[in-house]
Every structure is written in C-alpha cells, then in structure tokens.
Amino acid sequence: MIPIKNEKDLEMLKAAGKILAKIMQRLQECICVGISTGEIDELSEDLVRRENVISAFKGYRGFPANICTSINEEIVHGIPGERRLKSGDIISLDLGINYEGYFSDAAITVAVGRVNSKIKKLIKVTKSALSEGIKQARANNYLSNISYAIGSYVERHRFSVVRQFVGHGIGCSLHEEPEIPNFGRAGQGPILMPGMVLAIEPMVNMGKWESEILDNGWTAVTKDGMPSAHFEHTIAITEDGPQILTA
C-alpha cells in the first residue's frame, strides 16, 4: 500500500522540504577545491542542528555520517572522511532530514573547479532526467511512467541509468512504498493519487549501468570506473500536478 498523506501531513512535509532545500543550498555553496568530505559532513551536522531537525541518515542501518558524499565513480552512499576535492572532480551530496517525525530527502551533483564537457553534459542530463520524471508525477498517471520518462531521456543522450538503486516513497518514514526505478516500461504499476509523496532520484553513469559495493559495505561505485551523477527531489502528488517540496 502506498501511503496517502492528509492535509496536516502535507503541510509538515512542505516545511521539512523547505528546511532541507535551505540546507542543500548552503552545502552546494561550500563546495570548492581543497575542502574535505569530512568537513562537508561537519557543516551538514551544524546546519541540521541550527534548523532544529535531525539527520535521517546518521545511524540509519549503521550509516556513520550525516550526509552521503559520492565522488566521481562513486554513485551513492559515499562516506565522508579525509579525502579532499580537487579540480575536475564531481561530488554528489545526498541528505535526508527528520522534521518532527516527517522526512525529506534530496540530492545534487556539483562540479568542482574545471570539468570537461562530457562531465558537464552528464550532470545536465541527470538533472534534466529528474525534471522529466517529475513531469509524469501526476494524479491518475501510472507510476511506471516516471521510470520510463527518466530512463528513455537518459538513454537518448547515450548515458546509462543505474539499476541497483531506486527512488522511493517518503513521509513518516525515510523509505516507504513504492519503489521507483529509473528505467522500465510505461503504463504499468500503481496509479498515482493526490496525497502520495515520492522521492524521485535518477542516478546516471557516463559508462555502463553496472555497479558494485566497496568493502566498507556502503559505497556503490560504477563497475567500469566511469563517473556518475545523482539528483533527487521530494515531491507531492496534487490535483494540480506535482509539487516539488525540496525546491
């Protein structure tokens, strides 16, 4: 069953999304050559504390940090540490928060210093693929139309969609039903209804789609070592179309 949020739930989730958007903007502004992923995590912890919310990731199934920092070939679940960013890197920042029992989740990919044109295209296509998916998040539409819109857009631009990790429902838990793959056929699965809240998150590889998990048990990397990008928004299905809560 996909949870349907009532009016109070949606108001709380809007507030959570607004806070997370503010935090993500500040984190994006801090990305520069020389900063360490550990310092990014410390900043995220400070920002979360200032906003009187709780990191949804720290301690979740044993995850050791407040934020996921995934660099270059790392797809998701990168663990912050001593590594410092250098010009030409890309870094994906993925953060979830708990605001009075209501969860919000978002991710962005940021270029560090000067990157080549193909990496710029990878970031642009991934961000645009998220927009294409969100356009399909309409009442009375099929859930799989989101997946198809993302996957077909990415493949038209000759990149690959990660298949091991998917988007998800969100609300009173960080992960709720349904799962939202970033690939698949249109016209299948559940029908979207007002009150559903989804975290849509394309993860796109420059090379092939296959991934593997590092020895730390968390960080997913591309199997071919090529770069990967990740964007995510929490959105609500409404009678008037999709509403981005983390914009």
C-alpha atoms as a PDB file:
ATOM      1  CA  MET A   1       0.000   0.000   0.000  1.00  0.00           C
ATOM      2  CA  ILE A   2       1.262   3.472  -0.904  1.00  0.00           C
ATOM      3  CA  PRO A   3       0.525   5.848   1.991  1.00  0.00           C
ATOM      4  CA  ILE A   4      -1.783   8.795   1.281  1.00  0.00           C
ATOM      5  CA  LYS A   5      -0.948  11.911   3.282  1.00  0.00           C
ATOM      6  CA  ASN A   6      -3.636  14.126   4.753  1.00  0.00           C
ATOM      7  CA  GLU A   7      -3.579  17.912   4.770  1.00  0.00           C
ATOM      8  CA  LYS A   8      -1.651  18.137   8.041  1.00  0.00           C
ATOM      9  CA  ASP A   9       0.930  15.612   6.818  1.00  0.00           C
ATOM     10  CA  LEU A  10       1.460  17.582   3.621  1.00  0.00           C
ATOM     11  CA  GLU A  11       1.933  20.852   5.493  1.00  0.00           C
ATOM     12  CA  MET A  12       4.565  19.231   7.706  1.00  0.00           C
ATOM     13  CA  LEU A  13       6.295  17.669   4.690  1.00  0.00           C
ATOM     14  CA  LYS A  14       6.326  21.040   2.931  1.00  0.00           C
ATOM     15  CA  ALA A  15       8.015  22.543   5.975  1.00  0.00           C
ATOM     16  CA  ALA A  16      10.552  19.693   6.050  1.00  0.00           C
ATOM     17  CA  GLY A  17      11.274  20.149   2.353  1.00  0.00           C
ATOM     18  CA  LYS A  18      11.770  23.893   2.736  1.00  0.00           C
ATOM     19  CA  ILE A  19      14.314  23.337   5.509  1.00  0.00           C
ATOM     20  CA  LEU A  20      16.176  20.711   3.528  1.00  0.00           C
ATOM     21  CA  ALA A  21      16.292  22.936   0.431  1.00  0.00           C
ATOM     22  CA  LYS A  22      17.868  25.693   2.539  1.00  0.00           C
ATOM     23  CA  ILE A  23      20.496  23.291   3.910  1.00  0.00           C
ATOM     24  CA  MET A  24      21.292  21.853   0.477  1.00  0.00           C
ATOM     25  CA  GLN A  25      21.777  25.332  -0.978  1.00  0.00           C
ATOM     26  CA  ARG A  26      24.273  26.170   1.747  1.00  0.00           C
ATOM     27  CA  LEU A  27      26.136  22.898   1.211  1.00  0.00           C
ATOM     28  CA  GLN A  28      26.320  23.486  -2.539  1.00  0.00           C
ATOM     29  CA  GLU A  29      27.838  26.912  -1.903  1.00  0.00           C
ATOM     30  CA  CYS A  30      30.602  25.395   0.240  1.00  0.00           C
ATOM     31  CA  ILE A  31      31.891  23.031  -2.456  1.00  0.00           C
ATOM     32  CA  CYS A  32      35.344  24.136  -3.565  1.00  0.00           C
ATOM     33  CA  VAL A  33      38.787  22.802  -4.361  1.00  0.00           C
ATOM     34  CA  GLY A  34      40.508  21.650  -1.167  1.00  0.00           C
ATOM     35  CA  ILE A  35      37.534  21.045   1.105  1.00  0.00           C
ATOM     36  CA  SER A  36      37.388  17.551   2.591  1.00  0.00           C
ATOM     37  CA  THR A  37      34.292  15.364   2.614  1.00  0.00           C
ATOM     38  CA  GLY A  38      34.629  15.196   6.389  1.00  0.00           C
ATOM     39  CA  GLU A  39      34.395  18.985   6.556  1.00  0.00           C
ATOM     40  CA  ILE A  40      31.253  18.844   4.402  1.00  0.00           C
ATOM     41  CA  ASP A  41      29.783  16.365   6.863  1.00  0.00           C
ATOM     42  CA  GLU A  42      30.665  18.621   9.805  1.00  0.00           C
ATOM     43  CA  LEU A  43      28.975  21.548   8.064  1.00  0.00           C
ATOM     44  CA  SER A  44      25.873  19.468   7.342  1.00  0.00           C
ATOM     45  CA  GLU A  45      25.718  18.457  11.011  1.00  0.00           C
ATOM     46  CA  ASP A  46      25.960  22.113  12.061  1.00  0.00           C
ATOM     47  CA  LEU A  47      23.272  23.209   9.584  1.00  0.00           C
ATOM     48  CA  VAL A  48      20.956  20.410  10.669  1.00  0.00           C
ATOM     49  CA  ARG A  49      21.412  21.397  14.298  1.00  0.00           C
ATOM     50  CA  ARG A  50      20.750  25.081  13.570  1.00  0.00           C
ATOM     51  CA  GLU A  51      17.474  24.206  11.867  1.00  0.00           C
ATOM     52  CA  ASN A  52      16.386  22.059  14.838  1.00  0.00           C
ATOM     53  CA  VAL A  53      15.977  18.957  12.702  1.00  0.00           C
ATOM     54  CA  ILE A  54      17.600  15.517  12.799  1.00  0.00           C
ATOM     55  CA  SER A  55      19.797  13.864  10.193  1.00  0.00           C
ATOM     56  CA  ALA A  56      17.802  10.986   8.736  1.00  0.00           C
ATOM     57  CA  PHE A  57      20.950   9.182   7.601  1.00  0.00           C
ATOM     58  CA  LYS A  58      23.256   9.105  10.620  1.00  0.00           C
ATOM     59  CA  GLY A  59      22.811   5.753  12.295  1.00  0.00           C
ATOM     60  CA  TYR A  60      20.322   4.552   9.660  1.00  0.00           C
ATOM     61  CA  ARG A  61      21.149   0.860   9.346  1.00  0.00           C
ATOM     62  CA  GLY A  62      24.540   1.790  10.781  1.00  0.00           C
ATOM     63  CA  PHE A  63      25.463   4.555   8.326  1.00  0.00           C
ATOM     64  CA  PRO A  64      28.210   6.561  10.090  1.00  0.00           C
ATOM     65  CA  ALA A  65      27.665  10.106   8.769  1.00  0.00           C
ATOM     66  CA  ASN A  66      25.069  12.840   8.383  1.00  0.00           C
ATOM     67  CA  ILE A  67      25.408  13.104   4.608  1.00  0.00           C
ATOM     68  CA  CYS A  68      26.463  10.924   1.676  1.00  0.00           C
ATOM     69  CA  THR A  69      29.380  12.382  -0.294  1.00  0.00           C
ATOM     70  CA  SER A  70      29.978  10.427  -3.510  1.00  0.00           C
ATOM     71  CA  ILE A  71      32.898  11.480  -5.733  1.00  0.00           C
ATOM     72  CA  ASN A  72      33.419  10.738  -9.439  1.00  0.00           C
ATOM     73  CA  GLU A  73      32.824   6.980  -9.959  1.00  0.00           C
ATOM     74  CA  GLU A  74      31.002   6.730  -6.607  1.00  0.00           C
ATOM     75  CA  ILE A  75      27.274   6.525  -7.306  1.00  0.00           C
ATOM     76  CA  VAL A  76      25.674   6.761  -3.857  1.00  0.00           C
ATOM     77  CA  HIS A  77      26.374   6.249  -0.142  1.00  0.00           C
ATOM     78  CA  GLY A  78      29.867   7.716  -0.174  1.00  0.00           C
ATOM     79  CA  ILE A  79      31.140   8.005   3.401  1.00  0.00           C
ATOM     80  CA  PRO A  80      32.726  11.357   4.354  1.00  0.00           C
ATOM     81  CA  GLY A  81      36.336  11.319   5.520  1.00  0.00           C
ATOM     82  CA  GLU A  82      39.729  12.884   4.879  1.00  0.00           C
ATOM     83  CA  ARG A  83      39.558  12.967   1.074  1.00  0.00           C
ATOM     84  CA  ARG A  84      39.862  16.499  -0.323  1.00  0.00           C
ATOM     85  CA  LEU A  85      38.196  17.681  -3.505  1.00  0.00           C
ATOM     86  CA  LYS A  86      40.329  18.651  -6.470  1.00  0.00           C
ATOM     87  CA  SER A  87      39.582  20.497  -9.685  1.00  0.00           C
ATOM     88  CA  GLY A  88      37.904  18.192 -12.187  1.00  0.00           C
ATOM     89  CA  ASP A  89      36.048  16.149  -9.571  1.00  0.00           C
ATOM     90  CA  ILE A  90      32.299  15.907  -9.309  1.00  0.00           C
ATOM     91  CA  ILE A  91      30.616  15.251  -5.974  1.00  0.00           C
ATOM     92  CA  SER A  92      27.074  14.098  -5.247  1.00  0.00           C
ATOM     93  CA  LEU A  93      25.589  15.290  -1.960  1.00  0.00           C
ATOM     94  CA  ASP A  94      22.643  13.276  -0.631  1.00  0.00           C
ATOM     95  CA  LEU A  95      20.933  14.348   2.595  1.00  0.00           C
ATOM     96  CA  GLY A  96      17.748  13.411   4.413  1.00  0.00           C
ATOM     97  CA  ILE A  97      16.223  15.108   7.452  1.00  0.00           C
ATOM     98  CA  ASN A  98      13.611  14.305  10.063  1.00  0.00           C
ATOM     99  CA  TYR A  99      11.449  17.301  10.998  1.00  0.00           C
ATOM    100  CA  GLU A 100       9.148  16.424  13.890  1.00  0.00           C
ATOM    101  CA  GLY A 101       8.613  12.918  12.543  1.00  0.00           C
ATOM    102  CA  TYR A 102       8.321  13.929   8.872  1.00  0.00           C
ATOM    103  CA  PHE A 103      11.080  13.095   6.411  1.00  0.00           C
ATOM    104  CA  SER A 104      12.517  14.841   3.367  1.00  0.00           C
ATOM    105  CA  ASP A 105      15.288  13.684   1.021  1.00  0.00           C
ATOM    106  CA  ALA A 106      17.283  15.464  -1.704  1.00  0.00           C
ATOM    107  CA  ALA A 107      20.485  15.110  -3.726  1.00  0.00           C
ATOM    108  CA  ILE A 108      22.574  17.244  -6.064  1.00  0.00           C
ATOM    109  CA  THR A 109      25.745  16.757  -8.081  1.00  0.00           C
ATOM    110  CA  VAL A 110      28.249  19.613  -8.164  1.00  0.00           C
ATOM    111  CA  ALA A 111      31.269  20.149 -10.403  1.00  0.00           C
ATOM    112  CA  VAL A 112      34.490  21.088  -8.597  1.00  0.00           C
ATOM    113  CA  GLY A 113      36.671  23.647 -10.354  1.00  0.00           C
ATOM    114  CA  ARG A 114      37.033  22.989 -14.086  1.00  0.00           C
ATOM    115  CA  VAL A 115      35.497  19.815 -15.513  1.00  0.00           C
ATOM    116  CA  ASN A 116      35.425  18.586 -19.087  1.00  0.00           C
ATOM    117  CA  SER A 117      32.454  18.993 -21.411  1.00  0.00           C
ATOM    118  CA  LYS A 118      31.310  15.378 -21.185  1.00  0.00           C
ATOM    119  CA  ILE A 119      31.091  15.553 -17.387  1.00  0.00           C
ATOM    120  CA  LYS A 120      29.155  18.820 -17.693  1.00  0.00           C
ATOM    121  CA  LYS A 121      26.755  17.018 -20.030  1.00  0.00           C
ATOM    122  CA  LEU A 122      26.410  14.098 -17.588  1.00  0.00           C
ATOM    123  CA  ILE A 123      25.385  16.485 -14.809  1.00  0.00           C
ATOM    124  CA  LYS A 124      22.994  18.404 -17.059  1.00  0.00           C
ATOM    125  CA  VAL A 125      21.326  15.249 -18.416  1.00  0.00           C
ATOM    126  CA  THR A 126      20.884  13.765 -14.936  1.00  0.00           C
ATOM    127  CA  LYS A 127      19.287  16.961 -13.625  1.00  0.00           C
ATOM    128  CA  SER A 128      17.037  17.178 -16.690  1.00  0.00           C
ATOM    129  CA  ALA A 129      16.096  13.491 -16.336  1.00  0.00           C
ATOM    130  CA  LEU A 130      14.804  14.276 -12.846  1.00  0.00           C
ATOM    131  CA  SER A 131      12.664  17.057 -14.333  1.00  0.00           C
ATOM    132  CA  GLU A 132      11.329  14.658 -16.977  1.00  0.00           C
ATOM    133  CA  GLY A 133      10.376  12.177 -14.263  1.00  0.00           C
ATOM    134  CA  ILE A 134       8.700  14.824 -12.136  1.00  0.00           C
ATOM    135  CA  LYS A 135       6.539  15.897 -15.098  1.00  0.00           C
ATOM    136  CA  GLN A 136       4.986  12.423 -15.027  1.00  0.00           C
ATOM    137  CA  ALA A 137       4.215  12.558 -11.289  1.00  0.00           C
ATOM    138  CA  ARG A 138       0.593  13.474 -11.905  1.00  0.00           C
ATOM    139  CA  ALA A 139      -2.622  12.198 -10.404  1.00  0.00           C
ATOM    140  CA  ASN A 140      -4.167   9.318 -12.412  1.00  0.00           C
ATOM    141  CA  ASN A 141      -0.890   8.619 -14.205  1.00  0.00           C
ATOM    142  CA  TYR A 142       0.969   5.313 -13.942  1.00  0.00           C
ATOM    143  CA  LEU A 143       3.905   5.188 -11.537  1.00  0.00           C
ATOM    144  CA  SER A 144       5.997   3.469 -14.222  1.00  0.00           C
ATOM    145  CA  ASN A 145       5.604   6.491 -16.498  1.00  0.00           C
ATOM    146  CA  ILE A 146       8.036   8.283 -14.149  1.00  0.00           C
ATOM    147  CA  SER A 147      10.538   5.455 -14.590  1.00  0.00           C
ATOM    148  CA  TYR A 148      10.111   5.356 -18.364  1.00  0.00           C
ATOM    149  CA  ALA A 149      10.470   9.132 -18.727  1.00  0.00           C
ATOM    150  CA  ILE A 150      13.755   9.126 -16.814  1.00  0.00           C
ATOM    151  CA  GLY A 151      15.273   6.062 -18.450  1.00  0.00           C
ATOM    152  CA  SER A 152      14.337   6.949 -22.018  1.00  0.00           C
ATOM    153  CA  TYR A 153      15.629  10.505 -21.622  1.00  0.00           C
ATOM    154  CA  VAL A 154      18.972   9.305 -20.261  1.00  0.00           C
ATOM    155  CA  GLU A 155      19.412   6.681 -22.964  1.00  0.00           C
ATOM    156  CA  ARG A 156      18.607   9.179 -25.724  1.00  0.00           C
ATOM    157  CA  HIS A 157      21.652  11.100 -24.504  1.00  0.00           C
ATOM    158  CA  ARG A 158      23.794   7.926 -24.530  1.00  0.00           C
ATOM    159  CA  PHE A 159      24.275   7.567 -20.820  1.00  0.00           C
ATOM    160  CA  SER A 160      23.189   4.678 -18.566  1.00  0.00           C
ATOM    161  CA  VAL A 161      20.710   4.516 -15.694  1.00  0.00           C
ATOM    162  CA  VAL A 162      21.808   2.752 -12.511  1.00  0.00           C
ATOM    163  CA  ARG A 163      19.527  -0.235 -11.879  1.00  0.00           C
ATOM    164  CA  GLN A 164      20.596  -1.382  -8.423  1.00  0.00           C
ATOM    165  CA  PHE A 165      19.223   1.708  -6.622  1.00  0.00           C
ATOM    166  CA  VAL A 166      15.803   3.319  -6.962  1.00  0.00           C
ATOM    167  CA  GLY A 167      13.647   6.159  -5.729  1.00  0.00           C
ATOM    168  CA  HIS A 168      11.022   5.599  -3.052  1.00  0.00           C
ATOM    169  CA  GLY A 169       8.007   6.830  -1.195  1.00  0.00           C
ATOM    170  CA  ILE A 170       8.678   9.061   1.795  1.00  0.00           C
ATOM    171  CA  GLY A 171       6.754  10.701   4.610  1.00  0.00           C
ATOM    172  CA  CYS A 172       6.552   9.412   8.165  1.00  0.00           C
ATOM    173  CA  SER A 173       9.494   7.128   7.343  1.00  0.00           C
ATOM    174  CA  LEU A 174      12.569   7.774   5.234  1.00  0.00           C
ATOM    175  CA  HIS A 175      11.682   4.892   2.924  1.00  0.00           C
ATOM    176  CA  GLU A 176       8.065   3.990   2.208  1.00  0.00           C
ATOM    177  CA  GLU A 177       6.247   2.261  -0.627  1.00  0.00           C
ATOM    178  CA  PRO A 178       6.560   2.405  -3.586  1.00  0.00           C
ATOM    179  CA  GLU A 179       9.948   1.729  -5.102  1.00  0.00           C
ATOM    180  CA  ILE A 180      10.558   3.963  -8.139  1.00  0.00           C
ATOM    181  CA  PRO A 181      13.063   2.530 -10.628  1.00  0.00           C
ATOM    182  CA  ASN A 182      14.691   4.934 -13.064  1.00  0.00           C
ATOM    183  CA  PHE A 183      14.021   2.627 -16.021  1.00  0.00           C
ATOM    184  CA  GLY A 184      11.232   0.417 -17.279  1.00  0.00           C
ATOM    185  CA  ARG A 185       8.128   0.295 -19.458  1.00  0.00           C
ATOM    186  CA  ALA A 186       5.395   2.912 -19.390  1.00  0.00           C
ATOM    187  CA  GLY A 187       1.780   2.207 -18.478  1.00  0.00           C
ATOM    188  CA  GLN A 188       2.361  -0.231 -15.642  1.00  0.00           C
ATOM    189  CA  GLY A 189       2.136  -0.473 -11.862  1.00  0.00           C
ATOM    190  CA  PRO A 190       0.107   1.608  -9.404  1.00  0.00           C
ATOM    191  CA  ILE A 191      -1.908   4.664 -10.367  1.00  0.00           C
ATOM    192  CA  LEU A 192      -0.703   7.871  -8.737  1.00  0.00           C
ATOM    193  CA  MET A 193      -3.138   9.633  -6.412  1.00  0.00           C
ATOM    194  CA  PRO A 194      -3.196  13.020  -4.667  1.00  0.00           C
ATOM    195  CA  GLY A 195      -1.509  12.787  -1.275  1.00  0.00           C
ATOM    196  CA  MET A 196       1.250  10.434  -2.365  1.00  0.00           C
ATOM    197  CA  VAL A 197       4.750  11.756  -1.630  1.00  0.00           C
ATOM    198  CA  LEU A 198       7.738  10.441  -3.566  1.00  0.00           C
ATOM    199  CA  ALA A 199      11.500  10.830  -3.573  1.00  0.00           C
ATOM    200  CA  ILE A 200      12.475  10.642  -7.241  1.00  0.00           C
ATOM    201  CA  GLU A 201      16.223  10.211  -7.789  1.00  0.00           C
ATOM    202  CA  PRO A 202      17.894   9.341 -11.082  1.00  0.00           C
ATOM    203  CA  MET A 203      21.458   8.037 -10.790  1.00  0.00           C
ATOM    204  CA  VAL A 204      23.188   8.171 -14.165  1.00  0.00           C
ATOM    205  CA  ASN A 205      26.510   6.706 -15.289  1.00  0.00           C
ATOM    206  CA  MET A 206      28.704   8.010 -18.067  1.00  0.00           C
ATOM    207  CA  GLY A 207      29.607   4.446 -18.983  1.00  0.00           C
ATOM    208  CA  LYS A 208      27.726   1.191 -18.365  1.00  0.00           C
ATOM    209  CA  TRP A 209      24.985   0.801 -15.771  1.00  0.00           C
ATOM    210  CA  GLU A 210      26.579  -1.937 -13.670  1.00  0.00           C
ATOM    211  CA  SER A 211      27.677  -1.102 -10.124  1.00  0.00           C
ATOM    212  CA  GLU A 212      29.370  -2.768  -7.178  1.00  0.00           C
ATOM    213  CA  ILE A 213      29.713  -2.116  -3.451  1.00  0.00           C
ATOM    214  CA  LEU A 214      33.060  -1.249  -1.853  1.00  0.00           C
ATOM    215  CA  ASP A 215      34.473  -3.137   1.122  1.00  0.00           C
ATOM    216  CA  ASN A 216      33.029  -0.541   3.530  1.00  0.00           C
ATOM    217  CA  GLY A 217      29.647  -2.152   2.839  1.00  0.00           C
ATOM    218  CA  TRP A 218      28.030   1.124   1.785  1.00  0.00           C
ATOM    219  CA  THR A 219      29.589   2.978  -1.122  1.00  0.00           C
ATOM    220  CA  ALA A 220      28.321   1.981  -4.563  1.00  0.00           C
ATOM    221  CA  VAL A 221      30.678   2.634  -7.485  1.00  0.00           C
ATOM    222  CA  THR A 222      30.454   2.173 -11.222  1.00  0.00           C
ATOM    223  CA  LYS A 223      31.906  -1.172 -12.246  1.00  0.00           C
ATOM    224  CA  ASP A 224      33.784   0.392 -15.170  1.00  0.00           C
ATOM    225  CA  GLY A 225      35.178   3.285 -13.088  1.00  0.00           C
ATOM    226  CA  MET A 226      33.386   5.964 -15.122  1.00  0.00           C
ATOM    227  CA  PRO A 227      31.781   8.994 -13.410  1.00  0.00           C
ATOM    228  CA  SER A 228      28.216   9.002 -12.100  1.00  0.00           C
ATOM    229  CA  ALA A 229      25.765  11.798 -11.222  1.00  0.00           C
ATOM    230  CA  HIS A 230      22.736  11.903  -8.900  1.00  0.00           C
ATOM    231  CA  PHE A 231      19.845  14.332  -8.415  1.00  0.00           C
ATOM    232  CA  GLU A 232      16.814  13.949  -6.161  1.00  0.00           C
ATOM    233  CA  HIS A 233      13.737  15.866  -5.086  1.00  0.00           C
ATOM    234  CA  THR A 234      10.923  15.044  -2.685  1.00  0.00           C
ATOM    235  CA  ILE A 235       7.623  15.744  -4.459  1.00  0.00           C
ATOM    236  CA  ALA A 236       3.932  15.566  -3.617  1.00  0.00           C
ATOM    237  CA  ILE A 237       1.205  14.401  -6.000  1.00  0.00           C
ATOM    238  CA  THR A 238      -1.589  17.000  -6.048  1.00  0.00           C
ATOM    239  CA  GLU A 239      -4.749  17.630  -8.060  1.00  0.00           C
ATOM    240  CA  ASP A 240      -2.867  20.492  -9.732  1.00  0.00           C
ATOM    241  CA  GLY A 241       0.209  18.484 -10.693  1.00  0.00           C
ATOM    242  CA  PRO A 242       3.490  17.619  -8.983  1.00  0.00           C
ATOM    243  CA  GLN A 243       4.658  19.915  -6.212  1.00  0.00           C
ATOM    244  CA  ILE A 244       8.419  19.915  -5.539  1.00  0.00           C
ATOM    245  CA  LEU A 245       8.841  20.137  -1.774  1.00  0.00           C
ATOM    246  CA  THR A 246      12.648  20.446  -1.824  1.00  0.00           C
ATOM    247  CA  ALA A 247      12.955  23.149  -4.492  1.00  0.00           C
END
